[in-house]
Amino acid sequence: MKKLLLILAILSGITCYGLQAHAASIVSTGHQKYNYKEYLSDLAALQKKYPDYLQYKVIGSSADGRKLHDVVVGNPDAKKHLIVIANLHAREYITTQLTMAQIEYICKNYKKKINKKKVSSTLDKVAIHFIPSADPDGTAISQYGFGAIRSKSWRNKMKRTGASSTTWKANARGVDLNRNWPISWAAGGSRGAMGYRGPSAASEPEVKAIIKDVNKIQKKGKIIGLISYHSMGCILYGRCASQATSSVRSKTTRMYQLAQKLTGYRLMPTESISSAKGCSREYFLYKRHIPCITLEVGSSASPVPISQFPSIWRKNKDIPIREAQILS
């Protein structure tokens, strides 16, 4: 009888440990509104838990005073760097949740293998830079309404646009951050309107902060690729126009072929520079000569319901480390 009780106790301990290990995940992926406060708390907790693998720094502030971060996983002094940007569009905040979960997943598996390759070996050579929340102001608007804008004057201006706060795409000044980049930029539209490119190219502090960060990374080493996460359509942008260099086209092709294999997302046609005015992907491809793919992870209109996260996770969890593996 005592032996049976001992066995049951051991089994119980194993079960409890398994449950605790699962519950011990820092980044929660089971609720809809993964907000700015939770994001900041998770960043601090991840760095505390994985100080040897992860570090992060503030790279700038948003239009409404929220911080933007570059989260580096791996060797910050590596000669090669991969960048992952999420949440350029406000209502696509599920991509912040996704990239934060990817960061934790990589750290958890740092001493293990993914795709039969040691994660640590890859990350000794390639540092992965995550910018999980490029539009924290817009996310706050989409999650909680225009009252989330701290600035009274901008709050009143955005309310007067008549746009829906829930499906808001822009930042706190009504600018689409995916259309504010200095390539083929052209004026047009009004604040809060879909696709409004801003008063001038790179006028927004969020875009300026990312460009400045990219400049600093390039001084450290070579940026071998960039992944941009959006959240509508289960599609993939990976084709290059003729303006891309042969090297950029070749590496971008390798990136999208791997991403398509892992996700099953439909590959979209090439977008010309002239038609994609002020777009971030075109800026990185043709002005910065960085191989770049864009993944749209959701199968419905944004904000994507959290019920889709398990499918999104299954298809995308390995994307950053697998891309780093093929480009290393």
C-alpha atoms as a PDB file:
ATOM      1  CA  MET A   1       0.000   0.000   0.000  1.00  0.00           C
ATOM      2  CA  LYS A   2       2.814   2.379   0.910  1.00  0.00           C
ATOM      3  CA  LYS A   3       4.548   1.596  -2.375  1.00  0.00           C
ATOM      4  CA  LEU A   4       1.342   2.360  -4.306  1.00  0.00           C
ATOM      5  CA  LEU A   5       0.941   5.674  -2.491  1.00  0.00           C
ATOM      6  CA  LEU A   6       4.567   6.539  -3.270  1.00  0.00           C
ATOM      7  CA  ILE A   7       4.073   5.806  -6.957  1.00  0.00           C
ATOM      8  CA  LEU A   8       0.903   7.910  -7.039  1.00  0.00           C
ATOM      9  CA  ALA A   9       2.714  10.761  -5.312  1.00  0.00           C
ATOM     10  CA  ILE A  10       5.542  10.644  -7.855  1.00  0.00           C
ATOM     11  CA  LEU A  11       3.100  10.586 -10.760  1.00  0.00           C
ATOM     12  CA  SER A  12       1.164  13.432  -9.194  1.00  0.00           C
ATOM     13  CA  GLY A  13       4.365  15.433  -8.828  1.00  0.00           C
ATOM     14  CA  ILE A  14       5.254  14.878 -12.473  1.00  0.00           C
ATOM     15  CA  THR A  15       1.759  15.936 -13.557  1.00  0.00           C
ATOM     16  CA  CYS A  16       1.824  19.020 -11.360  1.00  0.00           C
ATOM     17  CA  TYR A  17       5.260  19.934 -12.666  1.00  0.00           C
ATOM     18  CA  GLY A  18       4.030  19.640 -16.239  1.00  0.00           C
ATOM     19  CA  LEU A  19       1.069  21.896 -15.461  1.00  0.00           C
ATOM     20  CA  GLN A  20       3.286  24.356 -13.647  1.00  0.00           C
ATOM     21  CA  ALA A  21       5.763  24.416 -16.499  1.00  0.00           C
ATOM     22  CA  HIS A  22       2.953  25.212 -18.901  1.00  0.00           C
ATOM     23  CA  ALA A  23       1.424  27.789 -16.574  1.00  0.00           C
ATOM     24  CA  ALA A  24       4.859  29.310 -16.038  1.00  0.00           C
ATOM     25  CA  SER A  25       4.838  30.812 -19.537  1.00  0.00           C
ATOM     26  CA  ILE A  26       5.234  34.544 -19.146  1.00  0.00           C
ATOM     27  CA  VAL A  27       3.420  35.657 -22.297  1.00  0.00           C
ATOM     28  CA  SER A  28      -0.300  34.920 -22.153  1.00  0.00           C
ATOM     29  CA  THR A  29      -1.893  33.993 -25.472  1.00  0.00           C
ATOM     30  CA  GLY A  30      -5.390  33.135 -24.280  1.00  0.00           C
ATOM     31  CA  HIS A  31      -7.083  36.539 -24.066  1.00  0.00           C
ATOM     32  CA  GLN A  32      -8.100  39.088 -26.661  1.00  0.00           C
ATOM     33  CA  LYS A  33      -6.598  42.398 -25.576  1.00  0.00           C
ATOM     34  CA  TYR A  34      -2.884  41.979 -25.043  1.00  0.00           C
ATOM     35  CA  ASN A  35      -2.259  45.557 -23.961  1.00  0.00           C
ATOM     36  CA  TYR A  36       0.677  47.927 -23.522  1.00  0.00           C
ATOM     37  CA  LYS A  37       0.916  47.468 -19.740  1.00  0.00           C
ATOM     38  CA  GLU A  38       1.047  43.685 -20.085  1.00  0.00           C
ATOM     39  CA  TYR A  39       3.596  43.980 -22.876  1.00  0.00           C
ATOM     40  CA  LEU A  40       5.923  46.088 -20.693  1.00  0.00           C
ATOM     41  CA  SER A  41       5.534  43.701 -17.769  1.00  0.00           C
ATOM     42  CA  ASP A  42       6.319  40.695 -19.975  1.00  0.00           C
ATOM     43  CA  LEU A  43       9.420  42.372 -21.417  1.00  0.00           C
ATOM     44  CA  ALA A  44      10.818  42.931 -17.947  1.00  0.00           C
ATOM     45  CA  ALA A  45       9.927  39.386 -16.829  1.00  0.00           C
ATOM     46  CA  LEU A  46      11.512  37.800 -19.908  1.00  0.00           C
ATOM     47  CA  GLN A  47      14.747  39.710 -19.450  1.00  0.00           C
ATOM     48  CA  LYS A  48      14.866  38.727 -15.793  1.00  0.00           C
ATOM     49  CA  LYS A  49      14.295  35.048 -16.610  1.00  0.00           C
ATOM     50  CA  TYR A  50      16.641  34.894 -19.620  1.00  0.00           C
ATOM     51  CA  PRO A  51      19.385  37.475 -18.951  1.00  0.00           C
ATOM     52  CA  ASP A  52      21.981  35.480 -20.921  1.00  0.00           C
ATOM     53  CA  TYR A  53      19.874  35.264 -24.069  1.00  0.00           C
ATOM     54  CA  LEU A  54      17.757  38.399 -24.146  1.00  0.00           C
ATOM     55  CA  GLN A  55      18.179  42.126 -23.776  1.00  0.00           C
ATOM     56  CA  TYR A  56      16.041  45.037 -24.826  1.00  0.00           C
ATOM     57  CA  LYS A  57      16.343  48.765 -25.162  1.00  0.00           C
ATOM     58  CA  VAL A  58      14.067  51.728 -25.782  1.00  0.00           C
ATOM     59  CA  ILE A  59      14.538  52.969 -29.349  1.00  0.00           C
ATOM     60  CA  GLY A  60      12.129  55.890 -29.177  1.00  0.00           C
ATOM     61  CA  SER A  61       8.695  57.058 -28.132  1.00  0.00           C
ATOM     62  CA  SER A  62       5.383  57.045 -29.951  1.00  0.00           C
ATOM     63  CA  ALA A  63       3.437  60.176 -30.859  1.00  0.00           C
ATOM     64  CA  ASP A  64       1.478  59.863 -27.609  1.00  0.00           C
ATOM     65  CA  GLY A  65       4.455  59.075 -25.375  1.00  0.00           C
ATOM     66  CA  ARG A  66       4.574  55.268 -25.237  1.00  0.00           C
ATOM     67  CA  LYS A  67       7.925  53.511 -25.568  1.00  0.00           C
ATOM     68  CA  LEU A  68       9.109  51.490 -28.562  1.00  0.00           C
ATOM     69  CA  HIS A  69      11.586  48.652 -28.004  1.00  0.00           C
ATOM     70  CA  ASP A  70      14.181  46.592 -29.806  1.00  0.00           C
ATOM     71  CA  VAL A  71      14.289  43.147 -28.157  1.00  0.00           C
ATOM     72  CA  VAL A  72      17.487  41.291 -29.055  1.00  0.00           C
ATOM     73  CA  VAL A  73      17.601  37.505 -28.731  1.00  0.00           C
ATOM     74  CA  GLY A  74      21.023  35.969 -29.192  1.00  0.00           C
ATOM     75  CA  ASN A  75      24.474  37.489 -29.535  1.00  0.00           C
ATOM     76  CA  PRO A  76      24.101  41.292 -29.774  1.00  0.00           C
ATOM     77  CA  ASP A  77      27.650  41.480 -31.165  1.00  0.00           C
ATOM     78  CA  ALA A  78      26.935  39.019 -33.976  1.00  0.00           C
ATOM     79  CA  LYS A  79      28.008  40.012 -37.471  1.00  0.00           C
ATOM     80  CA  LYS A  80      24.573  39.181 -38.878  1.00  0.00           C
ATOM     81  CA  HIS A  81      21.162  40.491 -37.805  1.00  0.00           C
ATOM     82  CA  LEU A  82      17.542  39.581 -38.572  1.00  0.00           C
ATOM     83  CA  ILE A  83      14.747  42.064 -37.776  1.00  0.00           C
ATOM     84  CA  VAL A  84      11.115  41.213 -36.965  1.00  0.00           C
ATOM     85  CA  ILE A  85       8.591  44.078 -36.883  1.00  0.00           C
ATOM     86  CA  ALA A  86       4.998  43.679 -35.685  1.00  0.00           C
ATOM     87  CA  ASN A  87       1.937  45.846 -35.094  1.00  0.00           C
ATOM     88  CA  LEU A  88       2.576  48.665 -37.578  1.00  0.00           C
ATOM     89  CA  HIS A  89      -1.209  48.738 -37.878  1.00  0.00           C
ATOM     90  CA  ALA A  90      -3.137  49.454 -34.690  1.00  0.00           C
ATOM     91  CA  ARG A  91      -5.918  46.879 -34.965  1.00  0.00           C
ATOM     92  CA  GLU A  92      -3.391  44.119 -35.761  1.00  0.00           C
ATOM     93  CA  TYR A  93      -2.210  43.825 -32.181  1.00  0.00           C
ATOM     94  CA  ILE A  94      -2.403  40.037 -32.213  1.00  0.00           C
ATOM     95  CA  THR A  95       1.004  40.263 -33.929  1.00  0.00           C
ATOM     96  CA  THR A  96       2.476  41.774 -30.753  1.00  0.00           C
ATOM     97  CA  GLN A  97       1.199  38.775 -28.832  1.00  0.00           C
ATOM     98  CA  LEU A  98       2.635  36.461 -31.499  1.00  0.00           C
ATOM     99  CA  THR A  99       6.110  37.999 -31.555  1.00  0.00           C
ATOM    100  CA  MET A 100       6.318  38.160 -27.764  1.00  0.00           C
ATOM    101  CA  ALA A 101       5.414  34.459 -27.645  1.00  0.00           C
ATOM    102  CA  GLN A 102       8.075  33.792 -30.317  1.00  0.00           C
ATOM    103  CA  ILE A 103      10.670  35.558 -28.167  1.00  0.00           C
ATOM    104  CA  GLU A 104       9.796  33.395 -25.166  1.00  0.00           C
ATOM    105  CA  TYR A 105       9.725  30.236 -27.299  1.00  0.00           C
ATOM    106  CA  ILE A 106      13.216  30.894 -28.646  1.00  0.00           C
ATOM    107  CA  CYS A 107      14.569  31.602 -25.164  1.00  0.00           C
ATOM    108  CA  LYS A 108      12.981  28.422 -23.767  1.00  0.00           C
ATOM    109  CA  ASN A 109      14.607  26.393 -26.536  1.00  0.00           C
ATOM    110  CA  TYR A 110      17.945  28.215 -26.577  1.00  0.00           C
ATOM    111  CA  LYS A 111      19.921  25.140 -25.533  1.00  0.00           C
ATOM    112  CA  LYS A 112      17.830  22.753 -27.597  1.00  0.00           C
ATOM    113  CA  LYS A 113      17.317  22.050 -31.284  1.00  0.00           C
ATOM    114  CA  ILE A 114      14.732  23.382 -33.715  1.00  0.00           C
ATOM    115  CA  ASN A 115      14.670  21.775 -37.146  1.00  0.00           C
ATOM    116  CA  LYS A 116      17.501  19.503 -35.926  1.00  0.00           C
ATOM    117  CA  LYS A 117      19.818  22.498 -35.490  1.00  0.00           C
ATOM    118  CA  LYS A 118      21.086  23.972 -32.239  1.00  0.00           C
ATOM    119  CA  VAL A 119      19.323  27.239 -31.532  1.00  0.00           C
ATOM    120  CA  SER A 120      22.353  28.568 -29.658  1.00  0.00           C
ATOM    121  CA  SER A 121      24.650  27.917 -32.623  1.00  0.00           C
ATOM    122  CA  THR A 122      22.413  29.929 -34.947  1.00  0.00           C
ATOM    123  CA  LEU A 123      21.991  32.779 -32.475  1.00  0.00           C
ATOM    124  CA  ASP A 124      25.721  33.023 -31.860  1.00  0.00           C
ATOM    125  CA  LYS A 125      26.013  34.027 -35.518  1.00  0.00           C
ATOM    126  CA  VAL A 126      22.690  35.836 -36.046  1.00  0.00           C
ATOM    127  CA  ALA A 127      21.057  38.186 -33.547  1.00  0.00           C
ATOM    128  CA  ILE A 128      17.286  38.432 -33.937  1.00  0.00           C
ATOM    129  CA  HIS A 129      15.863  41.891 -33.258  1.00  0.00           C
ATOM    130  CA  PHE A 130      12.141  42.038 -32.446  1.00  0.00           C
ATOM    131  CA  ILE A 131      10.130  45.265 -32.496  1.00  0.00           C
ATOM    132  CA  PRO A 132       6.927  43.713 -31.103  1.00  0.00           C
ATOM    133  CA  SER A 133       4.806  46.860 -30.843  1.00  0.00           C
ATOM    134  CA  ALA A 134       5.492  49.487 -33.504  1.00  0.00           C
ATOM    135  CA  ASP A 135       2.167  51.272 -32.934  1.00  0.00           C
ATOM    136  CA  PRO A 136       1.349  51.152 -29.207  1.00  0.00           C
ATOM    137  CA  ASP A 137      -0.826  54.295 -29.395  1.00  0.00           C
ATOM    138  CA  GLY A 138      -3.003  52.915 -32.162  1.00  0.00           C
ATOM    139  CA  THR A 139      -3.315  49.613 -30.344  1.00  0.00           C
ATOM    140  CA  ALA A 140      -4.588  51.411 -27.229  1.00  0.00           C
ATOM    141  CA  ILE A 141      -7.165  53.195 -29.410  1.00  0.00           C
ATOM    142  CA  SER A 142      -8.293  49.949 -31.055  1.00  0.00           C
ATOM    143  CA  GLN A 143      -8.574  48.193 -27.700  1.00  0.00           C
ATOM    144  CA  TYR A 144     -10.072  50.931 -25.528  1.00  0.00           C
ATOM    145  CA  GLY A 145     -11.311  53.756 -27.757  1.00  0.00           C
ATOM    146  CA  PHE A 146     -10.148  57.317 -28.395  1.00  0.00           C
ATOM    147  CA  GLY A 147     -10.169  57.988 -24.656  1.00  0.00           C
ATOM    148  CA  ALA A 148      -6.887  56.043 -24.528  1.00  0.00           C
ATOM    149  CA  ILE A 149      -5.105  58.953 -26.254  1.00  0.00           C
ATOM    150  CA  ARG A 150      -3.201  60.792 -23.536  1.00  0.00           C
ATOM    151  CA  SER A 151      -2.974  64.103 -25.401  1.00  0.00           C
ATOM    152  CA  LYS A 152      -6.264  65.990 -25.049  1.00  0.00           C
ATOM    153  CA  SER A 153      -5.809  67.908 -28.304  1.00  0.00           C
ATOM    154  CA  TRP A 154      -5.047  64.801 -30.374  1.00  0.00           C
ATOM    155  CA  ARG A 155      -7.815  62.891 -28.604  1.00  0.00           C
ATOM    156  CA  ASN A 156     -10.338  65.512 -29.703  1.00  0.00           C
ATOM    157  CA  LYS A 157      -8.922  65.628 -33.247  1.00  0.00           C
ATOM    158  CA  MET A 158      -9.137  61.858 -33.693  1.00  0.00           C
ATOM    159  CA  LYS A 159     -12.669  61.755 -32.301  1.00  0.00           C
ATOM    160  CA  ARG A 160     -13.700  64.288 -34.933  1.00  0.00           C
ATOM    161  CA  THR A 161     -12.521  62.009 -37.748  1.00  0.00           C
ATOM    162  CA  GLY A 162     -15.678  59.948 -37.293  1.00  0.00           C
ATOM    163  CA  ALA A 163     -13.693  56.738 -37.777  1.00  0.00           C
ATOM    164  CA  SER A 164     -14.265  53.555 -35.795  1.00  0.00           C
ATOM    165  CA  SER A 165     -11.828  53.215 -32.922  1.00  0.00           C
ATOM    166  CA  THR A 166     -12.084  49.405 -32.892  1.00  0.00           C
ATOM    167  CA  THR A 167     -10.921  49.057 -36.509  1.00  0.00           C
ATOM    168  CA  TRP A 168      -8.411  51.927 -36.228  1.00  0.00           C
ATOM    169  CA  LYS A 169      -5.230  51.339 -38.281  1.00  0.00           C
ATOM    170  CA  ALA A 170      -3.246  54.515 -37.627  1.00  0.00           C
ATOM    171  CA  ASN A 171      -1.250  56.028 -34.776  1.00  0.00           C
ATOM    172  CA  ALA A 172      -2.501  58.666 -32.308  1.00  0.00           C
ATOM    173  CA  ARG A 173      -2.093  61.361 -34.967  1.00  0.00           C
ATOM    174  CA  GLY A 174      -4.134  59.491 -37.557  1.00  0.00           C
ATOM    175  CA  VAL A 175      -1.206  58.409 -39.749  1.00  0.00           C
ATOM    176  CA  ASP A 176      -0.919  54.909 -41.224  1.00  0.00           C
ATOM    177  CA  LEU A 177       2.563  53.866 -40.082  1.00  0.00           C
ATOM    178  CA  ASN A 178       2.882  51.381 -42.933  1.00  0.00           C
ATOM    179  CA  ARG A 179       2.513  54.213 -45.468  1.00  0.00           C
ATOM    180  CA  ASN A 180       4.817  56.818 -43.914  1.00  0.00           C
ATOM    181  CA  TRP A 181       8.168  55.575 -45.201  1.00  0.00           C
ATOM    182  CA  PRO A 182      10.512  57.634 -47.412  1.00  0.00           C
ATOM    183  CA  ILE A 183      10.059  55.832 -50.710  1.00  0.00           C
ATOM    184  CA  SER A 184       7.709  56.973 -53.486  1.00  0.00           C
ATOM    185  CA  TRP A 185       5.891  58.949 -50.818  1.00  0.00           C
ATOM    186  CA  ALA A 186       3.124  61.286 -52.004  1.00  0.00           C
ATOM    187  CA  ALA A 187       0.727  63.550 -50.155  1.00  0.00           C
ATOM    188  CA  GLY A 188      -2.969  62.778 -50.060  1.00  0.00           C
ATOM    189  CA  GLY A 189      -5.886  62.001 -47.798  1.00  0.00           C
ATOM    190  CA  SER A 190      -6.620  63.185 -44.292  1.00  0.00           C
ATOM    191  CA  ARG A 191      -5.806  62.132 -40.751  1.00  0.00           C
ATOM    192  CA  GLY A 192      -7.584  58.982 -39.655  1.00  0.00           C
ATOM    193  CA  ALA A 193      -8.528  57.995 -43.205  1.00  0.00           C
ATOM    194  CA  MET A 194      -7.461  54.535 -44.383  1.00  0.00           C
ATOM    195  CA  GLY A 195      -3.927  54.653 -45.767  1.00  0.00           C
ATOM    196  CA  TYR A 196      -3.243  58.284 -44.872  1.00  0.00           C
ATOM    197  CA  ARG A 197       0.502  58.685 -45.413  1.00  0.00           C
ATOM    198  CA  GLY A 198       1.056  61.682 -43.124  1.00  0.00           C
ATOM    199  CA  PRO A 199       2.085  65.292 -43.755  1.00  0.00           C
ATOM    200  CA  SER A 200       5.526  64.216 -45.031  1.00  0.00           C
ATOM    201  CA  ALA A 201       7.658  61.111 -45.435  1.00  0.00           C
ATOM    202  CA  ALA A 202       8.873  59.685 -42.095  1.00  0.00           C
ATOM    203  CA  SER A 203       6.987  62.435 -40.268  1.00  0.00           C
ATOM    204  CA  GLU A 204       5.961  60.100 -37.447  1.00  0.00           C
ATOM    205  CA  PRO A 205       8.177  59.423 -34.417  1.00  0.00           C
ATOM    206  CA  GLU A 206       7.506  55.680 -34.610  1.00  0.00           C
ATOM    207  CA  VAL A 207       8.887  55.464 -38.170  1.00  0.00           C
ATOM    208  CA  LYS A 208      11.824  57.712 -37.287  1.00  0.00           C
ATOM    209  CA  ALA A 209      12.664  55.496 -34.311  1.00  0.00           C
ATOM    210  CA  ILE A 210      12.699  52.316 -36.401  1.00  0.00           C
ATOM    211  CA  ILE A 211      14.836  53.895 -39.138  1.00  0.00           C
ATOM    212  CA  LYS A 212      17.292  55.129 -36.505  1.00  0.00           C
ATOM    213  CA  ASP A 213      17.413  51.659 -34.955  1.00  0.00           C
ATOM    214  CA  VAL A 214      18.036  50.041 -38.345  1.00  0.00           C
ATOM    215  CA  ASN A 215      20.893  52.498 -38.926  1.00  0.00           C
ATOM    216  CA  LYS A 216      22.473  51.515 -35.590  1.00  0.00           C
ATOM    217  CA  ILE A 217      22.103  47.800 -36.317  1.00  0.00           C
ATOM    218  CA  GLN A 218      23.777  48.220 -39.702  1.00  0.00           C
ATOM    219  CA  LYS A 219      26.781  49.810 -38.029  1.00  0.00           C
ATOM    220  CA  LYS A 220      27.178  46.624 -35.971  1.00  0.00           C
ATOM    221  CA  GLY A 221      26.918  44.198 -38.855  1.00  0.00           C
ATOM    222  CA  LYS A 222      24.893  43.057 -41.854  1.00  0.00           C
ATOM    223  CA  ILE A 223      21.088  42.943 -41.746  1.00  0.00           C
ATOM    224  CA  ILE A 224      20.408  39.684 -43.540  1.00  0.00           C
ATOM    225  CA  GLY A 225      16.614  39.902 -43.583  1.00  0.00           C
ATOM    226  CA  LEU A 226      13.466  41.511 -42.228  1.00  0.00           C
ATOM    227  CA  ILE A 227      10.099  39.961 -41.380  1.00  0.00           C
ATOM    228  CA  SER A 228       7.052  42.207 -41.074  1.00  0.00           C
ATOM    229  CA  TYR A 229       3.962  40.813 -39.352  1.00  0.00           C
ATOM    230  CA  HIS A 230       0.443  41.967 -40.205  1.00  0.00           C
ATOM    231  CA  SER A 231      -2.815  40.173 -39.525  1.00  0.00           C
ATOM    232  CA  MET A 232      -5.360  39.865 -42.287  1.00  0.00           C
ATOM    233  CA  GLY A 233      -5.796  37.373 -45.085  1.00  0.00           C
ATOM    234  CA  CYS A 234      -3.381  34.477 -44.448  1.00  0.00           C
ATOM    235  CA  ILE A 235      -1.258  35.788 -47.295  1.00  0.00           C
ATOM    236  CA  LEU A 236       2.425  36.388 -47.902  1.00  0.00           C
ATOM    237  CA  TYR A 237       4.248  39.199 -49.688  1.00  0.00           C
ATOM    238  CA  GLY A 238       7.626  38.013 -50.922  1.00  0.00           C
ATOM    239  CA  ARG A 239       8.012  38.758 -54.602  1.00  0.00           C
ATOM    240  CA  CYS A 240      10.368  41.574 -55.637  1.00  0.00           C
ATOM    241  CA  ALA A 241      10.071  44.147 -58.412  1.00  0.00           C
ATOM    242  CA  SER A 242      12.858  44.607 -60.949  1.00  0.00           C
ATOM    243  CA  GLN A 243      14.406  47.375 -58.847  1.00  0.00           C
ATOM    244  CA  ALA A 244      15.654  44.839 -56.299  1.00  0.00           C
ATOM    245  CA  THR A 245      19.284  43.793 -56.551  1.00  0.00           C
ATOM    246  CA  SER A 246      19.941  40.194 -57.556  1.00  0.00           C
ATOM    247  CA  SER A 247      21.216  39.417 -54.056  1.00  0.00           C
ATOM    248  CA  VAL A 248      18.148  40.882 -52.361  1.00  0.00           C
ATOM    249  CA  ARG A 249      15.829  39.080 -54.777  1.00  0.00           C
ATOM    250  CA  SER A 250      17.594  35.748 -54.242  1.00  0.00           C
ATOM    251  CA  LYS A 251      17.542  35.965 -50.430  1.00  0.00           C
ATOM    252  CA  THR A 252      13.976  37.263 -50.314  1.00  0.00           C
ATOM    253  CA  THR A 253      12.915  34.330 -52.473  1.00  0.00           C
ATOM    254  CA  ARG A 254      14.533  31.895 -50.030  1.00  0.00           C
ATOM    255  CA  MET A 255      12.747  33.644 -47.159  1.00  0.00           C
ATOM    256  CA  TYR A 256       9.274  33.532 -48.688  1.00  0.00           C
ATOM    257  CA  GLN A 257       9.662  29.957 -49.910  1.00  0.00           C
ATOM    258  CA  LEU A 258      10.435  28.828 -46.358  1.00  0.00           C
ATOM    259  CA  ALA A 259       7.636  30.942 -44.876  1.00  0.00           C
ATOM    260  CA  GLN A 260       5.163  29.587 -47.414  1.00  0.00           C
ATOM    261  CA  LYS A 261       6.226  26.020 -46.653  1.00  0.00           C
ATOM    262  CA  LEU A 262       5.701  26.533 -42.901  1.00  0.00           C
ATOM    263  CA  THR A 263       2.472  28.550 -43.049  1.00  0.00           C
ATOM    264  CA  GLY A 264       0.731  27.548 -46.280  1.00  0.00           C
ATOM    265  CA  TYR A 265      -0.093  31.231 -46.870  1.00  0.00           C
ATOM    266  CA  ARG A 266      -0.936  32.343 -50.411  1.00  0.00           C
ATOM    267  CA  LEU A 267       1.866  34.234 -52.163  1.00  0.00           C
ATOM    268  CA  MET A 268       0.769  37.614 -53.497  1.00  0.00           C
ATOM    269  CA  PRO A 269       1.856  39.243 -56.788  1.00  0.00           C
ATOM    270  CA  THR A 270       4.690  41.758 -56.947  1.00  0.00           C
ATOM    271  CA  GLU A 271       3.830  45.305 -55.939  1.00  0.00           C
ATOM    272  CA  SER A 272       5.579  48.059 -57.888  1.00  0.00           C
ATOM    273  CA  ILE A 273       7.289  50.914 -56.074  1.00  0.00           C
ATOM    274  CA  SER A 274       5.004  53.455 -57.720  1.00  0.00           C
ATOM    275  CA  SER A 275       1.816  51.739 -56.530  1.00  0.00           C
ATOM    276  CA  ALA A 276       3.069  51.029 -53.010  1.00  0.00           C
ATOM    277  CA  LYS A 277       3.587  54.662 -52.033  1.00  0.00           C
ATOM    278  CA  GLY A 278       5.404  55.051 -48.729  1.00  0.00           C
ATOM    279  CA  CYS A 279       5.194  51.344 -47.863  1.00  0.00           C
ATOM    280  CA  SER A 280       7.612  49.875 -45.344  1.00  0.00           C
ATOM    281  CA  ARG A 281       8.431  46.693 -47.279  1.00  0.00           C
ATOM    282  CA  GLU A 282       9.360  48.627 -50.406  1.00  0.00           C
ATOM    283  CA  TYR A 283      11.520  50.963 -48.320  1.00  0.00           C
ATOM    284  CA  PHE A 284      13.526  48.069 -46.892  1.00  0.00           C
ATOM    285  CA  LEU A 285      13.770  46.178 -50.180  1.00  0.00           C
ATOM    286  CA  TYR A 286      14.650  48.932 -52.619  1.00  0.00           C
ATOM    287  CA  LYS A 287      16.130  51.754 -50.536  1.00  0.00           C
ATOM    288  CA  ARG A 288      17.909  49.806 -47.801  1.00  0.00           C
ATOM    289  CA  HIS A 289      18.557  46.665 -49.892  1.00  0.00           C
ATOM    290  CA  ILE A 290      17.378  44.358 -47.106  1.00  0.00           C
ATOM    291  CA  PRO A 291      15.614  41.089 -48.025  1.00  0.00           C
ATOM    292  CA  CYS A 292      12.084  41.418 -46.674  1.00  0.00           C
ATOM    293  CA  ILE A 293       8.859  39.429 -46.434  1.00  0.00           C
ATOM    294  CA  THR A 294       5.460  40.362 -45.007  1.00  0.00           C
ATOM    295  CA  LEU A 295       3.170  37.780 -43.419  1.00  0.00           C
ATOM    296  CA  GLU A 296      -0.552  38.417 -42.845  1.00  0.00           C
ATOM    297  CA  VAL A 297      -1.490  35.899 -40.170  1.00  0.00           C
ATOM    298  CA  GLY A 298      -5.261  36.173 -39.614  1.00  0.00           C
ATOM    299  CA  SER A 299      -8.092  34.611 -41.607  1.00  0.00           C
ATOM    300  CA  SER A 300     -10.662  37.304 -40.803  1.00  0.00           C
ATOM    301  CA  ALA A 301     -10.939  41.059 -40.479  1.00  0.00           C
ATOM    302  CA  SER A 302      -8.902  42.691 -37.723  1.00  0.00           C
ATOM    303  CA  PRO A 303      -8.882  42.747 -34.779  1.00  0.00           C
ATOM    304  CA  VAL A 304      -8.376  39.020 -35.277  1.00  0.00           C
ATOM    305  CA  PRO A 305     -10.240  37.004 -32.602  1.00  0.00           C
ATOM    306  CA  ILE A 306      -7.986  35.255 -30.113  1.00  0.00           C
ATOM    307  CA  SER A 307      -9.646  31.956 -31.056  1.00  0.00           C
ATOM    308  CA  GLN A 308      -7.409  31.997 -34.151  1.00  0.00           C
ATOM    309  CA  PHE A 309      -4.198  32.197 -32.144  1.00  0.00           C
ATOM    310  CA  PRO A 310      -3.556  28.421 -31.877  1.00  0.00           C
ATOM    311  CA  SER A 311      -3.584  28.110 -35.678  1.00  0.00           C
ATOM    312  CA  ILE A 312      -1.483  31.256 -36.110  1.00  0.00           C
ATOM    313  CA  TRP A 313       1.003  29.964 -33.543  1.00  0.00           C
ATOM    314  CA  ARG A 314       1.298  26.511 -35.087  1.00  0.00           C
ATOM    315  CA  LYS A 315       2.167  28.039 -38.468  1.00  0.00           C
ATOM    316  CA  ASN A 316       4.418  30.876 -37.295  1.00  0.00           C
ATOM    317  CA  LYS A 317       6.191  29.857 -34.082  1.00  0.00           C
ATOM    318  CA  ASP A 318       9.351  28.704 -35.898  1.00  0.00           C
ATOM    319  CA  ILE A 319       9.477  31.437 -38.559  1.00  0.00           C
ATOM    320  CA  PRO A 320      12.120  33.771 -36.997  1.00  0.00           C
ATOM    321  CA  ILE A 321      14.577  31.059 -35.965  1.00  0.00           C
ATOM    322  CA  ARG A 322      14.103  29.069 -39.193  1.00  0.00           C
ATOM    323  CA  GLU A 323      14.696  32.187 -41.304  1.00  0.00           C
ATOM    324  CA  ALA A 324      17.806  32.931 -39.252  1.00  0.00           C
ATOM    325  CA  GLN A 325      18.988  29.366 -39.905  1.00  0.00           C
ATOM    326  CA  ILE A 326      18.750  29.592 -43.696  1.00  0.00           C
ATOM    327  CA  LEU A 327      20.310  33.068 -43.846  1.00  0.00           C
ATOM    328  CA  SER A 328      23.139  32.406 -41.389  1.00  0.00           C
END
